[in-house]
Amino acid sequence: MARESKVVINIADLKLDHWKQGALYESVDTSFGTLLGLTGLGISYNEVPPGKSGCPFHNHHVEDELFYVISGTGEYRFGGERHAIKAGDTLGAPAGGPETAHQIINTGTAPLVYLGISTMAKTEIVEYPDSGKFLAKTNRAKTNEEGSEPSRFRHIGRPESDLDYWDGEPGA
């Protein structure tokens, strides 16, 4: 059943998900671009507790991101630099290599609340410089063999597991 999109959404009406991962990562957040009928633009609402980050340090090869700080203070790690951030700041994260890698960290004493806005490429490669990983993914749902549940391609790996182009191909 298709979900009806809206043209106006109040943040207070969103269903937020609370999650934690290890000692550094925690957020109360949700993505809601699809609720607005957006297919080429993603938007998320994020509340990050003091001392935490909502994601690892990463860069996108295709998608651009923009963040708008609603409340709180923190640090914007961008490339090899760190910038103090506060309510009203707008942060850019253009597509590129490790020089555009970014991460928002709450260094304050209250929740850091921000919106994340991004282009939604059909295919994306994301690198994680701190851990040496990469993510290859598609954002286009494809129908599975049964013709019902949508599925997406998503693979996380490391460059050292690189295979030859012909590896495993019949007759190669």
Protein backbone atom coordinates (compact mmCIF):
# COMPACT_ATOMS: atom_id res chain seq x y z
CA MET A 1 0.00 0.00 0.00
CA ALA A 2 1.43 3.39 -0.97
CA ARG A 3 1.97 5.85 1.84
CA GLU A 4 0.42 9.26 1.31
CA SER A 5 3.01 12.03 1.40
CA LYS A 6 2.51 15.36 3.13
CA VAL A 7 3.68 18.84 2.23
CA VAL A 8 4.09 19.98 5.85
CA ILE A 9 5.53 17.93 8.70
CA ASN A 10 6.13 19.14 12.24
CA ILE A 11 9.20 17.62 13.89
CA ALA A 12 7.14 17.00 17.06
CA ASP A 13 4.94 14.60 15.07
CA LEU A 14 7.80 12.36 13.88
CA LYS A 15 8.37 8.89 15.34
CA LEU A 16 12.00 8.93 16.53
CA ASP A 17 14.26 5.89 16.90
CA HIS A 18 16.73 5.69 19.79
CA TRP A 19 19.86 3.61 19.19
CA LYS A 20 23.35 3.09 20.68
CA GLN A 21 26.51 1.50 19.32
CA GLY A 22 29.51 1.08 21.59
CA ALA A 23 30.79 3.92 23.75
CA LEU A 24 30.85 6.73 21.15
CA TYR A 25 27.74 6.40 19.00
CA GLU A 26 24.18 7.22 20.05
CA SER A 27 21.28 9.17 18.62
CA VAL A 28 17.55 9.70 18.67
CA ASP A 29 16.68 10.27 15.02
CA THR A 30 14.59 9.58 11.96
CA SER A 31 14.70 10.12 8.22
CA PHE A 32 11.57 11.65 6.77
CA GLY A 33 12.18 12.86 3.21
CA THR A 34 9.91 10.14 1.81
CA LEU A 35 7.09 11.33 4.10
CA LEU A 36 7.30 14.65 2.24
CA GLY A 37 7.20 12.86 -1.11
CA LEU A 38 10.88 13.57 -1.80
CA THR A 39 12.72 11.02 -3.93
CA GLY A 40 15.94 12.90 -4.76
CA LEU A 41 16.49 14.60 -1.42
CA GLY A 42 16.94 12.98 1.98
CA ILE A 43 16.30 14.71 5.29
CA SER A 44 16.85 13.54 8.84
CA TYR A 45 16.21 14.91 12.31
CA ASN A 46 18.94 14.04 14.84
CA GLU A 47 19.36 14.46 18.63
CA VAL A 48 22.83 13.40 19.80
CA PRO A 49 23.58 13.17 23.56
CA PRO A 50 26.65 14.84 25.11
CA GLY A 51 29.91 13.05 24.34
CA LYS A 52 28.41 11.07 21.44
CA SER A 53 28.30 11.12 17.64
CA GLY A 54 25.54 9.94 15.34
CA CYS A 55 27.92 8.34 12.80
CA PRO A 56 31.55 7.46 12.12
CA PHE A 57 33.92 9.80 10.26
CA HIS A 58 33.08 9.24 6.57
CA ASN A 59 33.00 10.73 3.08
CA HIS A 60 30.58 10.26 0.21
CA HIS A 61 31.82 9.93 -3.37
CA VAL A 62 28.50 10.98 -4.96
CA GLU A 63 26.10 12.54 -2.46
CA ASP A 64 26.36 16.05 -1.03
CA GLU A 65 25.22 16.65 2.55
CA LEU A 66 24.26 19.74 4.50
CA PHE A 67 23.61 19.98 8.23
CA TYR A 68 21.74 22.71 10.12
CA VAL A 69 22.30 22.94 13.89
CA ILE A 70 19.01 23.65 15.70
CA SER A 71 20.34 23.62 19.28
CA GLY A 72 23.34 22.63 21.34
CA THR A 73 27.07 22.82 20.71
CA GLY A 74 29.63 20.46 19.32
CA GLU A 75 32.48 19.89 16.97
CA TYR A 76 32.43 19.39 13.21
CA ARG A 77 35.28 17.19 12.12
CA PHE A 78 35.89 17.91 8.43
CA GLY A 79 38.90 16.52 6.57
CA GLY A 80 41.90 17.22 8.80
CA GLU A 81 40.23 20.10 10.66
CA ARG A 82 37.88 20.48 13.61
CA HIS A 83 35.39 23.34 13.91
CA ALA A 84 33.33 24.43 16.92
CA ILE A 85 29.60 24.47 16.05
CA LYS A 86 26.50 25.93 17.69
CA ALA A 87 22.82 26.63 17.04
CA GLY A 88 22.30 28.43 13.75
CA ASP A 89 25.40 27.00 12.05
CA THR A 90 25.09 25.40 8.61
CA LEU A 91 27.67 22.75 7.72
CA GLY A 92 28.58 21.61 4.22
CA ALA A 93 29.85 18.15 3.32
CA PRO A 94 30.34 18.00 -0.45
CA ALA A 95 31.01 14.73 -2.24
CA GLY A 96 34.67 13.88 -2.59
CA GLY A 97 37.50 11.86 -1.11
CA PRO A 98 38.93 11.76 2.42
CA GLU A 99 39.46 15.54 2.29
CA THR A 100 35.65 15.88 2.62
CA ALA A 101 35.24 13.22 5.33
CA HIS A 102 33.02 14.53 8.12
CA GLN A 103 31.54 13.75 11.52
CA ILE A 104 29.47 15.73 14.02
CA ILE A 105 30.37 15.20 17.69
CA ASN A 106 28.46 16.59 20.65
CA THR A 107 31.11 18.20 22.89
CA GLY A 108 28.53 20.17 24.88
CA THR A 109 26.47 19.40 27.98
CA ALA A 110 23.01 19.30 26.33
CA PRO A 111 21.68 17.30 23.37
CA LEU A 112 22.99 18.47 19.97
CA VAL A 113 19.98 18.75 17.65
CA TYR A 114 20.38 19.12 13.90
CA LEU A 115 18.82 18.44 10.52
CA GLY A 116 20.75 16.49 7.90
CA ILE A 117 19.88 17.07 4.25
CA SER A 118 21.41 15.09 1.39
CA THR A 119 21.12 14.39 -2.28
CA MET A 120 19.97 10.82 -2.86
CA ALA A 121 22.12 9.17 -5.50
CA LYS A 122 20.93 5.87 -6.97
CA THR A 123 24.40 4.43 -6.33
CA GLU A 124 26.89 5.55 -3.68
CA ILE A 125 30.34 4.70 -2.35
CA VAL A 126 31.14 5.79 1.21
CA GLU A 127 34.62 5.59 2.75
CA TYR A 128 35.43 5.46 6.48
CA PRO A 129 39.01 6.80 6.88
CA ASP A 130 39.34 5.91 10.60
CA SER A 131 38.61 2.21 10.05
CA GLY A 132 39.70 1.78 6.43
CA LYS A 133 36.28 0.44 5.35
CA PHE A 134 34.10 1.30 2.38
CA LEU A 135 30.39 0.90 1.73
CA ALA A 136 29.01 0.28 -1.75
CA LYS A 137 25.23 0.60 -1.96
CA THR A 138 22.27 1.30 -4.16
CA ASN A 139 19.36 3.44 -3.03
CA ARG A 140 17.08 2.08 -5.72
CA ALA A 141 14.80 -0.66 -4.48
CA LYS A 142 14.58 -3.66 -6.75
CA THR A 143 11.95 -6.37 -6.62
CA ASN A 144 13.14 -9.70 -5.31
CA GLU A 145 12.56 -13.03 -7.08
CA GLU A 146 9.12 -13.46 -5.49
CA GLY A 147 8.10 -10.05 -6.83
CA SER A 148 7.15 -8.58 -3.48
CA GLU A 149 9.65 -7.31 -0.92
CA PRO A 150 12.04 -4.65 -2.19
CA SER A 151 15.75 -5.35 -1.74
CA ARG A 152 18.85 -3.21 -2.11
CA PHE A 153 22.49 -3.93 -2.80
CA ARG A 154 24.72 -3.09 0.17
CA HIS A 155 28.28 -4.27 0.85
CA ILE A 156 30.84 -3.17 3.44
CA GLY A 157 34.43 -4.22 2.88
CA ARG A 158 38.08 -3.21 2.95
CA PRO A 159 40.31 -2.54 -0.07
CA GLU A 160 42.77 -5.28 0.97
CA SER A 161 40.11 -7.88 0.09
CA ASP A 162 40.29 -6.66 -3.52
CA LEU A 163 39.58 -9.39 -6.08
CA ASP A 164 40.75 -9.66 -9.65
CA TYR A 165 38.06 -8.67 -12.19
CA TRP A 166 37.97 -12.26 -13.54
CA ASP A 167 38.00 -14.02 -10.15
CA GLY A 168 35.39 -16.78 -10.01
CA GLU A 169 34.08 -16.21 -13.53
CA PRO A 170 33.30 -19.42 -15.49
CA GLY A 171 35.96 -20.17 -18.08
CA ALA A 172 38.25 -17.33 -16.99
